Amino acid sequence: MANDVEVNDAERAVPARGKSDAKVHYEGLHKAIGQLDTTIMGEWGVGKFAIVEYYIAGEQLGPFMWLPARRDQVIRFEVVDICEIRDGKIARVWRYDNPIQMQSQN
């Protein structure tokens, strides 16, 4: 990621900026989801953009974003990232996900 990377998603009013914000996000993700597994479903390059469709799965250990903790629940939700590449690094991300999928799982 570029030092000034910007990540846009529906859960935030303003984009996350910089590697430190990205690190906080990923650390929180790993604390909330144990045995986290990311599986790529598709990837495409279009000009200076990389599009990646994937899903995240694992055991929910704690609260995740705005969802309450449901300990010992296996979860899975799909994500699409559109990444703008600048000088070989990710400069901007537009993330589309639906964590509400977790609430409808048994």
PDB file of N, CA and C in Angstrom:
ATOM      1  N   MET A   1       0.838  -1.187   0.000  1.00  0.00           N
ATOM      2  CA  MET A   1       0.000   0.000   0.000  1.00  0.00           C
ATOM      3  C   MET A   1       0.881   1.247   0.000  1.00  0.00           C
ATOM      4  N   ALA A   2       0.387   2.274  -0.643  1.00  0.00           N
ATOM      5  CA  ALA A   2       1.081   3.559  -0.625  1.00  0.00           C
ATOM      6  C   ALA A   2       0.987   4.161   0.776  1.00  0.00           C
ATOM      7  N   ASN A   3       1.927   4.989   1.139  1.00  0.00           N
ATOM      8  CA  ASN A   3       1.902   5.614   2.469  1.00  0.00           C
ATOM      9  C   ASN A   3       0.640   6.428   2.700  1.00  0.00           C
ATOM     10  N   ASP A   4       0.097   7.012   1.628  1.00  0.00           N
ATOM     11  CA  ASP A   4      -1.100   7.853   1.752  1.00  0.00           C
ATOM     12  C   ASP A   4      -2.361   7.147   1.240  1.00  0.00           C
ATOM     13  N   VAL A   5      -2.394   5.821   1.332  1.00  0.00           N
ATOM     14  CA  VAL A   5      -3.533   5.051   0.846  1.00  0.00           C
ATOM     15  C   VAL A   5      -4.839   5.574   1.455  1.00  0.00           C
ATOM     16  N   GLU A   6      -5.893   5.519   0.659  1.00  0.00           N
ATOM     17  CA  GLU A   6      -7.222   5.956   1.101  1.00  0.00           C
ATOM     18  C   GLU A   6      -8.185   4.798   0.881  1.00  0.00           C
ATOM     19  N   VAL A   7      -8.923   4.425   1.946  1.00  0.00           N
ATOM     20  CA  VAL A   7      -9.874   3.311   1.861  1.00  0.00           C
ATOM     21  C   VAL A   7     -11.280   3.846   2.134  1.00  0.00           C
ATOM     22  N   ASN A   8     -12.152   3.666   1.160  1.00  0.00           N
ATOM     23  CA  ASN A   8     -13.539   4.117   1.244  1.00  0.00           C
ATOM     24  C   ASN A   8     -14.454   2.912   1.415  1.00  0.00           C
ATOM     25  N   ASP A   9     -15.333   2.947   2.414  1.00  0.00           N
ATOM     26  CA  ASP A   9     -16.344   1.907   2.562  1.00  0.00           C
ATOM     27  C   ASP A   9     -17.596   2.510   3.194  1.00  0.00           C
ATOM     28  N   ALA A  10     -18.678   1.750   3.152  1.00  0.00           N
ATOM     29  CA  ALA A  10     -19.975   2.258   3.612  1.00  0.00           C
ATOM     30  C   ALA A  10     -20.051   2.419   5.125  1.00  0.00           C
ATOM     31  N   GLU A  11     -19.158   1.796   5.869  1.00  0.00           N
ATOM     32  CA  GLU A  11     -19.207   1.856   7.333  1.00  0.00           C
ATOM     33  C   GLU A  11     -18.615   3.145   7.900  1.00  0.00           C
ATOM     34  N   ARG A  12     -17.963   3.937   7.075  1.00  0.00           N
ATOM     35  CA  ARG A  12     -17.294   5.155   7.555  1.00  0.00           C
ATOM     36  C   ARG A  12     -17.847   6.394   6.844  1.00  0.00           C
ATOM     37  N   ALA A  13     -17.984   7.460   7.593  1.00  0.00           N
ATOM     38  CA  ALA A  13     -18.420   8.729   7.003  1.00  0.00           C
ATOM     39  C   ALA A  13     -17.297   9.364   6.188  1.00  0.00           C
ATOM     40  N   VAL A  14     -16.055   9.140   6.609  1.00  0.00           N
ATOM     41  CA  VAL A  14     -14.882   9.654   5.890  1.00  0.00           C
ATOM     42  C   VAL A  14     -13.942   8.474   5.620  1.00  0.00           C
ATOM     43  N   PRO A  15     -13.172   8.545   4.553  1.00  0.00           N
ATOM     44  CA  PRO A  15     -12.269   7.438   4.244  1.00  0.00           C
ATOM     45  C   PRO A  15     -11.179   7.269   5.300  1.00  0.00           C
ATOM     46  N   ALA A  16     -10.718   6.028   5.457  1.00  0.00           N
ATOM     47  CA  ALA A  16      -9.523   5.769   6.266  1.00  0.00           C
ATOM     48  C   ALA A  16      -8.334   6.221   5.422  1.00  0.00           C
ATOM     49  N   ARG A  17      -7.352   6.831   6.069  1.00  0.00           N
ATOM     50  CA  ARG A  17      -6.210   7.347   5.318  1.00  0.00           C
ATOM     51  C   ARG A  17      -4.897   6.892   5.946  1.00  0.00           C
ATOM     52  N   GLY A  18      -3.993   6.478   5.092  1.00  0.00           N
ATOM     53  CA  GLY A  18      -2.648   6.119   5.525  1.00  0.00           C
ATOM     54  C   GLY A  18      -2.523   4.665   5.947  1.00  0.00           C
ATOM     55  N   LYS A  19      -1.285   4.210   5.957  1.00  0.00           N
ATOM     56  CA  LYS A  19      -1.007   2.828   6.339  1.00  0.00           C
ATOM     57  C   LYS A  19      -1.399   2.538   7.776  1.00  0.00           C
ATOM     58  N   SER A  20      -1.300   3.535   8.657  1.00  0.00           N
ATOM     59  CA  SER A  20      -1.635   3.281  10.066  1.00  0.00           C
ATOM     60  C   SER A  20      -3.124   2.978  10.228  1.00  0.00           C
ATOM     61  N   ASP A  21      -4.007   3.689   9.518  1.00  0.00           N
ATOM     62  CA  ASP A  21      -5.445   3.385   9.573  1.00  0.00           C
ATOM     63  C   ASP A  21      -5.728   1.992   9.015  1.00  0.00           C
ATOM     64  N   ALA A  22      -5.036   1.625   7.928  1.00  0.00           N
ATOM     65  CA  ALA A  22      -5.220   0.303   7.341  1.00  0.00           C
ATOM     66  C   ALA A  22      -4.773  -0.775   8.324  1.00  0.00           C
ATOM     67  N   LYS A  23      -3.672  -0.542   9.006  1.00  0.00           N
ATOM     68  CA  LYS A  23      -3.159  -1.509   9.984  1.00  0.00           C
ATOM     69  C   LYS A  23      -4.149  -1.694  11.128  1.00  0.00           C
ATOM     70  N   VAL A  24      -4.728  -0.601  11.633  1.00  0.00           N
ATOM     71  CA  VAL A  24      -5.722  -0.687  12.707  1.00  0.00           C
ATOM     72  C   VAL A  24      -6.923  -1.522  12.249  1.00  0.00           C
ATOM     73  N   HIS A  25      -7.365  -1.306  11.019  1.00  0.00           N
ATOM     74  CA  HIS A  25      -8.500  -2.065  10.478  1.00  0.00           C
ATOM     75  C   HIS A  25      -8.187  -3.557  10.452  1.00  0.00           C
ATOM     76  N   TYR A  26      -7.038  -3.933   9.899  1.00  0.00           N
ATOM     77  CA  TYR A  26      -6.700  -5.352   9.771  1.00  0.00           C
ATOM     78  C   TYR A  26      -6.440  -6.000  11.126  1.00  0.00           C
ATOM     79  N   GLU A  27      -5.857  -5.276  12.056  1.00  0.00           N
ATOM     80  CA  GLU A  27      -5.668  -5.821  13.402  1.00  0.00           C
ATOM     81  C   GLU A  27      -7.017  -6.066  14.074  1.00  0.00           C
ATOM     82  N   GLY A  28      -7.964  -5.137  13.908  1.00  0.00           N
ATOM     83  CA  GLY A  28      -9.307  -5.304  14.459  1.00  0.00           C
ATOM     84  C   GLY A  28     -10.028  -6.484  13.834  1.00  0.00           C
ATOM     85  N   LEU A  29      -9.849  -6.656  12.540  1.00  0.00           N
ATOM     86  CA  LEU A  29     -10.454  -7.774  11.829  1.00  0.00           C
ATOM     87  C   LEU A  29      -9.941  -9.099  12.388  1.00  0.00           C
ATOM     88  N   HIS A  30      -8.645  -9.185  12.615  1.00  0.00           N
ATOM     89  CA  HIS A  30      -8.062 -10.423  13.142  1.00  0.00           C
ATOM     90  C   HIS A  30      -8.436 -10.671  14.605  1.00  0.00           C
ATOM     91  N   LYS A  31      -8.706  -9.629  15.366  1.00  0.00           N
ATOM     92  CA  LYS A  31      -9.168  -9.806  16.741  1.00  0.00           C
ATOM     93  C   LYS A  31     -10.620 -10.269  16.778  1.00  0.00           C
ATOM     94  N   ALA A  32     -11.428  -9.793  15.843  1.00  0.00           N
ATOM     95  CA  ALA A  32     -12.854 -10.117  15.823  1.00  0.00           C
ATOM     96  C   ALA A  32     -13.143 -11.471  15.188  1.00  0.00           C
ATOM     97  N   ILE A  33     -12.266 -11.924  14.287  1.00  0.00           N
ATOM     98  CA  ILE A  33     -12.509 -13.167  13.558  1.00  0.00           C
ATOM     99  C   ILE A  33     -11.304 -14.084  13.726  1.00  0.00           C
ATOM    100  N   GLY A  34     -11.492 -15.161  14.470  1.00  0.00           N
ATOM    101  CA  GLY A  34     -10.428 -16.137  14.676  1.00  0.00           C
ATOM    102  C   GLY A  34     -10.336 -17.084  13.489  1.00  0.00           C
ATOM    103  N   GLN A  35      -9.159 -17.628  13.256  1.00  0.00           N
ATOM    104  CA  GLN A  35      -8.915 -18.533  12.141  1.00  0.00           C
ATOM    105  C   GLN A  35      -9.412 -17.911  10.837  1.00  0.00           C
ATOM    106  N   LEU A  36      -9.181 -16.611  10.706  1.00  0.00           N
ATOM    107  CA  LEU A  36      -9.656 -15.850   9.552  1.00  0.00           C
ATOM    108  C   LEU A  36      -9.086 -16.437   8.266  1.00  0.00           C
ATOM    109  N   ASP A  37      -9.959 -16.626   7.297  1.00  0.00           N
ATOM    110  CA  ASP A  37      -9.560 -17.152   6.000  1.00  0.00           C
ATOM    111  C   ASP A  37     -10.134 -16.235   4.931  1.00  0.00           C
ATOM    112  N   THR A  38      -9.311 -15.853   3.992  1.00  0.00           N
ATOM    113  CA  THR A  38      -9.743 -15.038   2.869  1.00  0.00           C
ATOM    114  C   THR A  38      -9.598 -15.870   1.598  1.00  0.00           C
ATOM    115  N   THR A  39     -10.681 -15.993   0.840  1.00  0.00           N
ATOM    116  CA  THR A  39     -10.671 -16.793  -0.383  1.00  0.00           C
ATOM    117  C   THR A  39     -11.034 -15.902  -1.563  1.00  0.00           C
ATOM    118  N   ILE A  40     -10.155 -15.844  -2.549  1.00  0.00           N
ATOM    119  CA  ILE A  40     -10.375 -15.051  -3.758  1.00  0.00           C
ATOM    120  C   ILE A  40     -11.359 -15.791  -4.662  1.00  0.00           C
ATOM    121  N   MET A  41     -12.404 -15.083  -5.084  1.00  0.00           N
ATOM    122  CA  MET A  41     -13.391 -15.664  -5.999  1.00  0.00           C
ATOM    123  C   MET A  41     -13.169 -15.181  -7.429  1.00  0.00           C
ATOM    124  N   GLY A  42     -12.547 -14.021  -7.582  1.00  0.00           N
ATOM    125  CA  GLY A  42     -12.262 -13.494  -8.913  1.00  0.00           C
ATOM    126  C   GLY A  42     -11.395 -12.259  -8.810  1.00  0.00           C
ATOM    127  N   GLU A  43     -10.589 -12.025  -9.854  1.00  0.00           N
ATOM    128  CA  GLU A  43      -9.767 -10.815  -9.894  1.00  0.00           C
ATOM    129  C   GLU A  43      -9.596 -10.378 -11.348  1.00  0.00           C
ATOM    130  N   TRP A  44      -9.596  -9.055 -11.523  1.00  0.00           N
ATOM    131  CA  TRP A  44      -9.517  -8.488 -12.853  1.00  0.00           C
ATOM    132  C   TRP A  44      -8.658  -7.228 -12.812  1.00  0.00           C
ATOM    133  N   GLY A  45      -7.922  -6.992 -13.880  1.00  0.00           N
ATOM    134  CA  GLY A  45      -7.190  -5.750 -14.050  1.00  0.00           C
ATOM    135  C   GLY A  45      -7.833  -4.937 -15.156  1.00  0.00           C
ATOM    136  N   VAL A  46      -8.063  -3.664 -14.891  1.00  0.00           N
ATOM    137  CA  VAL A  46      -8.665  -2.766 -15.879  1.00  0.00           C
ATOM    138  C   VAL A  46      -7.889  -1.459 -15.811  1.00  0.00           C
ATOM    139  N   GLY A  47      -6.993  -1.237 -16.754  1.00  0.00           N
ATOM    140  CA  GLY A  47      -6.181  -0.024 -16.732  1.00  0.00           C
ATOM    141  C   GLY A  47      -5.373   0.066 -15.455  1.00  0.00           C
ATOM    142  N   LYS A  48      -5.539   1.161 -14.728  1.00  0.00           N
ATOM    143  CA  LYS A  48      -4.789   1.336 -13.480  1.00  0.00           C
ATOM    144  C   LYS A  48      -5.546   0.805 -12.261  1.00  0.00           C
ATOM    145  N   PHE A  49      -6.561  -0.017 -12.499  1.00  0.00           N
ATOM    146  CA  PHE A  49      -7.382  -0.557 -11.415  1.00  0.00           C
ATOM    147  C   PHE A  49      -7.262  -2.077 -11.323  1.00  0.00           C
ATOM    148  N   ALA A  50      -7.326  -2.577 -10.111  1.00  0.00           N
ATOM    149  CA  ALA A  50      -7.418  -4.014  -9.841  1.00  0.00           C
ATOM    150  C   ALA A  50      -8.727  -4.226  -9.093  1.00  0.00           C
ATOM    151  N   ILE A  51      -9.515  -5.175  -9.548  1.00  0.00           N
ATOM    152  CA  ILE A  51     -10.792  -5.488  -8.919  1.00  0.00           C
ATOM    153  C   ILE A  51     -10.681  -6.898  -8.349  1.00  0.00           C
ATOM    154  N   VAL A  52     -10.982  -7.024  -7.058  1.00  0.00           N
ATOM    155  CA  VAL A  52     -10.848  -8.316  -6.386  1.00  0.00           C
ATOM    156  C   VAL A  52     -12.152  -8.638  -5.664  1.00  0.00           C
ATOM    157  N   GLU A  53     -12.707  -9.801  -5.973  1.00  0.00           N
ATOM    158  CA  GLU A  53     -13.903 -10.298  -5.295  1.00  0.00           C
ATOM    159  C   GLU A  53     -13.463 -11.461  -4.411  1.00  0.00           C
ATOM    160  N   TYR A  54     -13.825 -11.408  -3.127  1.00  0.00           N
ATOM    161  CA  TYR A  54     -13.385 -12.443  -2.199  1.00  0.00           C
ATOM    162  C   TYR A  54     -14.377 -12.589  -1.066  1.00  0.00           C
ATOM    163  N   TYR A  55     -14.194 -13.631  -0.271  1.00  0.00           N
ATOM    164  CA  TYR A  55     -14.987 -13.732   0.936  1.00  0.00           C
ATOM    165  C   TYR A  55     -14.080 -13.976   2.122  1.00  0.00           C
ATOM    166  N   ILE A  56     -14.561 -13.531   3.264  1.00  0.00           N
ATOM    167  CA  ILE A  56     -13.869 -13.683   4.536  1.00  0.00           C
ATOM    168  C   ILE A  56     -14.690 -14.644   5.383  1.00  0.00           C
ATOM    169  N   ALA A  57     -14.017 -15.589   6.003  1.00  0.00           N
ATOM    170  CA  ALA A  57     -14.704 -16.558   6.849  1.00  0.00           C
ATOM    171  C   ALA A  57     -13.856 -16.838   8.081  1.00  0.00           C
ATOM    172  N   GLY A  58     -14.509 -17.231   9.138  1.00  0.00           N
ATOM    173  CA  GLY A  58     -13.817 -17.598  10.366  1.00  0.00           C
ATOM    174  C   GLY A  58     -14.773 -17.628  11.533  1.00  0.00           C
ATOM    175  N   GLU A  59     -14.218 -17.806  12.696  1.00  0.00           N
ATOM    176  CA  GLU A  59     -15.010 -17.861  13.927  1.00  0.00           C
ATOM    177  C   GLU A  59     -15.075 -16.474  14.550  1.00  0.00           C
ATOM    178  N   GLN A  60     -16.276 -15.963  14.766  1.00  0.00           N
ATOM    179  CA  GLN A  60     -16.404 -14.637  15.358  1.00  0.00           C
ATOM    180  C   GLN A  60     -16.053 -14.703  16.838  1.00  0.00           C
ATOM    181  N   LEU A  61     -15.069 -13.916  17.230  1.00  0.00           N
ATOM    182  CA  LEU A  61     -14.596 -13.879  18.612  1.00  0.00           C
ATOM    183  C   LEU A  61     -15.027 -12.626  19.355  1.00  0.00           C
ATOM    184  N   GLY A  62     -15.316 -11.577  18.622  1.00  0.00           N
ATOM    185  CA  GLY A  62     -15.666 -10.308  19.253  1.00  0.00           C
ATOM    186  C   GLY A  62     -16.469  -9.448  18.302  1.00  0.00           C
ATOM    187  N   PRO A  63     -16.813  -8.213  18.719  1.00  0.00           N
ATOM    188  CA  PRO A  63     -17.588  -7.329  17.851  1.00  0.00           C
ATOM    189  C   PRO A  63     -16.818  -7.016  16.576  1.00  0.00           C
ATOM    190  N   PHE A  64     -17.557  -6.839  15.508  1.00  0.00           N
ATOM    191  CA  PHE A  64     -16.960  -6.542  14.209  1.00  0.00           C
ATOM    192  C   PHE A  64     -17.723  -5.385  13.589  1.00  0.00           C
ATOM    193  N   MET A  65     -17.023  -4.274  13.329  1.00  0.00           N
ATOM    194  CA  MET A  65     -17.635  -3.046  12.839  1.00  0.00           C
ATOM    195  C   MET A  65     -18.771  -2.678  13.792  1.00  0.00           C
ATOM    196  N   TRP A  66     -20.002  -2.645  13.311  1.00  0.00           N
ATOM    197  CA  TRP A  66     -21.138  -2.265  14.147  1.00  0.00           C
ATOM    198  C   TRP A  66     -21.930  -3.475  14.624  1.00  0.00           C
ATOM    199  N   LEU A  67     -21.432  -4.676  14.320  1.00  0.00           N
ATOM    200  CA  LEU A  67     -22.134  -5.893  14.714  1.00  0.00           C
ATOM    201  C   LEU A  67     -21.656  -6.372  16.080  1.00  0.00           C
ATOM    202  N   PRO A  68     -22.578  -6.763  16.955  1.00  0.00           N
ATOM    203  CA  PRO A  68     -22.182  -7.242  18.287  1.00  0.00           C
ATOM    204  C   PRO A  68     -21.470  -8.588  18.210  1.00  0.00           C
ATOM    205  N   ALA A  69     -20.747  -8.902  19.265  1.00  0.00           N
ATOM    206  CA  ALA A  69     -20.039 -10.178  19.338  1.00  0.00           C
ATOM    207  C   ALA A  69     -21.022 -11.326  19.433  1.00  0.00           C
ATOM    208  N   ARG A  70     -20.752 -12.362  18.703  1.00  0.00           N
ATOM    209  CA  ARG A  70     -21.513 -13.608  18.796  1.00  0.00           C
ATOM    210  C   ARG A  70     -20.480 -14.720  18.861  1.00  0.00           C
ATOM    211  N   ARG A  71     -19.921 -14.880  20.023  1.00  0.00           N
ATOM    212  CA  ARG A  71     -18.793 -15.789  20.222  1.00  0.00           C
ATOM    213  C   ARG A  71     -19.104 -17.207  19.737  1.00  0.00           C
ATOM    214  N   ASP A  72     -18.076 -17.804  19.173  1.00  0.00           N
ATOM    215  CA  ASP A  72     -18.131 -19.184  18.694  1.00  0.00           C
ATOM    216  C   ASP A  72     -19.075 -19.374  17.510  1.00  0.00           C
ATOM    217  N   GLN A  73     -19.354 -18.317  16.784  1.00  0.00           N
ATOM    218  CA  GLN A  73     -20.192 -18.400  15.586  1.00  0.00           C
ATOM    219  C   GLN A  73     -19.270 -18.368  14.368  1.00  0.00           C
ATOM    220  N   VAL A  74     -19.456 -19.309  13.445  1.00  0.00           N
ATOM    221  CA  VAL A  74     -18.705 -19.290  12.199  1.00  0.00           C
ATOM    222  C   VAL A  74     -19.423 -18.334  11.257  1.00  0.00           C
ATOM    223  N   ILE A  75     -18.649 -17.408  10.690  1.00  0.00           N
ATOM    224  CA  ILE A  75     -19.241 -16.386   9.816  1.00  0.00           C
ATOM    225  C   ILE A  75     -18.578 -16.409   8.448  1.00  0.00           C
ATOM    226  N   ARG A  76     -19.287 -15.821   7.481  1.00  0.00           N
ATOM    227  CA  ARG A  76     -18.757 -15.676   6.123  1.00  0.00           C
ATOM    228  C   ARG A  76     -19.467 -14.498   5.484  1.00  0.00           C
ATOM    229  N   PHE A  77     -18.697 -13.613   4.857  1.00  0.00           N
ATOM    230  CA  PHE A  77     -19.317 -12.547   4.082  1.00  0.00           C
ATOM    231  C   PHE A  77     -18.444 -12.177   2.901  1.00  0.00           C
ATOM    232  N   GLU A  78     -19.097 -11.677   1.865  1.00  0.00           N
ATOM    233  CA  GLU A  78     -18.422 -11.384   0.606  1.00  0.00           C
ATOM    234  C   GLU A  78     -18.020  -9.914   0.530  1.00  0.00           C
ATOM    235  N   VAL A  79     -16.916  -9.668  -0.191  1.00  0.00           N
ATOM    236  CA  VAL A  79     -16.349  -8.328  -0.320  1.00  0.00           C
ATOM    237  C   VAL A  79     -15.869  -8.144  -1.759  1.00  0.00           C
ATOM    238  N   VAL A  80     -15.993  -6.926  -2.272  1.00  0.00           N
ATOM    239  CA  VAL A  80     -15.379  -6.538  -3.545  1.00  0.00           C
ATOM    240  C   VAL A  80     -14.564  -5.281  -3.280  1.00  0.00           C
ATOM    241  N   ASP A  81     -13.291  -5.330  -3.641  1.00  0.00           N
ATOM    242  CA  ASP A  81     -12.415  -4.152  -3.552  1.00  0.00           C
ATOM    243  C   ASP A  81     -12.058  -3.696  -4.951  1.00  0.00           C
ATOM    244  N   ILE A  82     -12.221  -2.414  -5.196  1.00  0.00           N
ATOM    245  CA  ILE A  82     -11.718  -1.798  -6.425  1.00  0.00           C
ATOM    246  C   ILE A  82     -10.528  -0.961  -5.991  1.00  0.00           C
ATOM    247  N   CYS A  83      -9.352  -1.331  -6.464  1.00  0.00           N
ATOM    248  CA  CYS A  83      -8.109  -0.699  -6.016  1.00  0.00           C
ATOM    249  C   CYS A  83      -7.483   0.100  -7.157  1.00  0.00           C
ATOM    250  N   GLU A  84      -7.169   1.337  -6.884  1.00  0.00           N
ATOM    251  CA  GLU A  84      -6.437   2.159  -7.839  1.00  0.00           C
ATOM    252  C   GLU A  84      -4.948   1.971  -7.549  1.00  0.00           C
ATOM    253  N   ILE A  85      -4.187   1.624  -8.582  1.00  0.00           N
ATOM    254  CA  ILE A  85      -2.767   1.360  -8.439  1.00  0.00           C
ATOM    255  C   ILE A  85      -1.976   2.579  -8.924  1.00  0.00           C
ATOM    256  N   ARG A  86      -1.028   3.016  -8.095  1.00  0.00           N
ATOM    257  CA  ARG A  86      -0.160   4.142  -8.453  1.00  0.00           C
ATOM    258  C   ARG A  86       1.283   3.748  -8.123  1.00  0.00           C
ATOM    259  N   ASP A  87       2.156   3.801  -9.090  1.00  0.00           N
ATOM    260  CA  ASP A  87       3.570   3.455  -8.891  1.00  0.00           C
ATOM    261  C   ASP A  87       3.738   2.069  -8.281  1.00  0.00           C
ATOM    262  N   GLY A  88       2.890   1.120  -8.699  1.00  0.00           N
ATOM    263  CA  GLY A  88       3.001  -0.250  -8.239  1.00  0.00           C
ATOM    264  C   GLY A  88       2.441  -0.516  -6.850  1.00  0.00           C
ATOM    265  N   LYS A  89       1.780   0.473  -6.244  1.00  0.00           N
ATOM    266  CA  LYS A  89       1.209   0.307  -4.912  1.00  0.00           C
ATOM    267  C   LYS A  89      -0.269   0.684  -4.918  1.00  0.00           C
ATOM    268  N   ILE A  90      -1.000   0.169  -3.939  1.00  0.00           N
ATOM    269  CA  ILE A  90      -2.419   0.506  -3.814  1.00  0.00           C
ATOM    270  C   ILE A  90      -2.534   1.927  -3.265  1.00  0.00           C
ATOM    271  N   ALA A  91      -3.149   2.808  -4.044  1.00  0.00           N
ATOM    272  CA  ALA A  91      -3.289   4.215  -3.649  1.00  0.00           C
ATOM    273  C   ALA A  91      -4.679   4.514  -3.088  1.00  0.00           C
ATOM    274  N   ARG A  92      -5.687   3.830  -3.610  1.00  0.00           N
ATOM    275  CA  ARG A  92      -7.065   4.091  -3.178  1.00  0.00           C
ATOM    276  C   ARG A  92      -7.874   2.808  -3.318  1.00  0.00           C
ATOM    277  N   VAL A  93      -8.758   2.585  -2.347  1.00  0.00           N
ATOM    278  CA  VAL A  93      -9.621   1.399  -2.357  1.00  0.00           C
ATOM    279  C   VAL A  93     -11.062   1.847  -2.162  1.00  0.00           C
ATOM    280  N   TRP A  94     -11.936   1.293  -2.972  1.00  0.00           N
ATOM    281  CA  TRP A  94     -13.375   1.428  -2.764  1.00  0.00           C
ATOM    282  C   TRP A  94     -13.851   0.032  -2.404  1.00  0.00           C
ATOM    283  N   ARG A  95     -14.316  -0.139  -1.181  1.00  0.00           N
ATOM    284  CA  ARG A  95     -14.695  -1.466  -0.672  1.00  0.00           C
ATOM    285  C   ARG A  95     -16.207  -1.571  -0.597  1.00  0.00           C
ATOM    286  N   TYR A  96     -16.723  -2.649  -1.146  1.00  0.00           N
ATOM    287  CA  TYR A  96     -18.149  -2.935  -1.120  1.00  0.00           C
ATOM    288  C   TYR A  96     -18.340  -4.280  -0.429  1.00  0.00           C
ATOM    289  N   ASP A  97     -19.012  -4.263   0.709  1.00  0.00           N
ATOM    290  CA  ASP A  97     -19.263  -5.500   1.438  1.00  0.00           C
ATOM    291  C   ASP A  97     -20.637  -5.425   2.077  1.00  0.00           C
ATOM    292  N   ASN A  98     -21.026  -6.523   2.679  1.00  0.00           N
ATOM    293  CA  ASN A  98     -22.332  -6.590   3.305  1.00  0.00           C
ATOM    294  C   ASN A  98     -22.219  -7.403   4.590  1.00  0.00           C
ATOM    295  N   PRO A  99     -21.666  -6.803   5.660  1.00  0.00           N
ATOM    296  CA  PRO A  99     -21.518  -7.555   6.904  1.00  0.00           C
ATOM    297  C   PRO A  99     -22.848  -8.014   7.495  1.00  0.00           C
ATOM    298  N   ILE A 100     -23.954  -7.449   7.046  1.00  0.00           N
ATOM    299  CA  ILE A 100     -25.260  -7.885   7.538  1.00  0.00           C
ATOM    300  C   ILE A 100     -25.490  -9.357   7.187  1.00  0.00           C
ATOM    301  N   GLN A 101     -24.737  -9.867   6.196  1.00  0.00           N
ATOM    302  CA  GLN A 101     -24.823 -11.299   5.861  1.00  0.00           C
ATOM    303  C   GLN A 101     -24.562 -12.155   7.094  1.00  0.00           C
ATOM    304  N   MET A 102     -23.700 -11.662   7.989  1.00  0.00           N
ATOM    305  CA  MET A 102     -23.364 -12.422   9.189  1.00  0.00           C
ATOM    306  C   MET A 102     -24.555 -12.582  10.109  1.00  0.00           C
ATOM    307  N   GLN A 103     -25.432 -11.594  10.160  1.00  0.00           N
ATOM    308  CA  GLN A 103     -26.587 -11.662  11.055  1.00  0.00           C
ATOM    309  C   GLN A 103     -27.603 -12.706  10.601  1.00  0.00           C
ATOM    310  N   SER A 104     -27.631 -13.005   9.334  1.00  0.00           N
ATOM    311  CA  SER A 104     -28.619 -13.966   8.837  1.00  0.00           C
ATOM    312  C   SER A 104     -28.102 -15.393   8.887  1.00  0.00           C
ATOM    313  N   GLN A 105     -26.870 -15.596   9.346  1.00  0.00           N
ATOM    314  CA  GLN A 105     -26.303 -16.939   9.423  1.00  0.00           C
ATOM    315  C   GLN A 105     -26.651 -17.596  10.751  1.00  0.00           C
ATOM    316  N   ASN A 106     -26.770 -18.883  10.731  1.00  0.00           N
ATOM    317  CA  ASN A 106     -27.060 -19.626  11.968  1.00  0.00           C
ATOM    318  C   ASN A 106     -25.820 -19.878  12.750  1.00  0.00           C
TER     319      ASN A 106
END
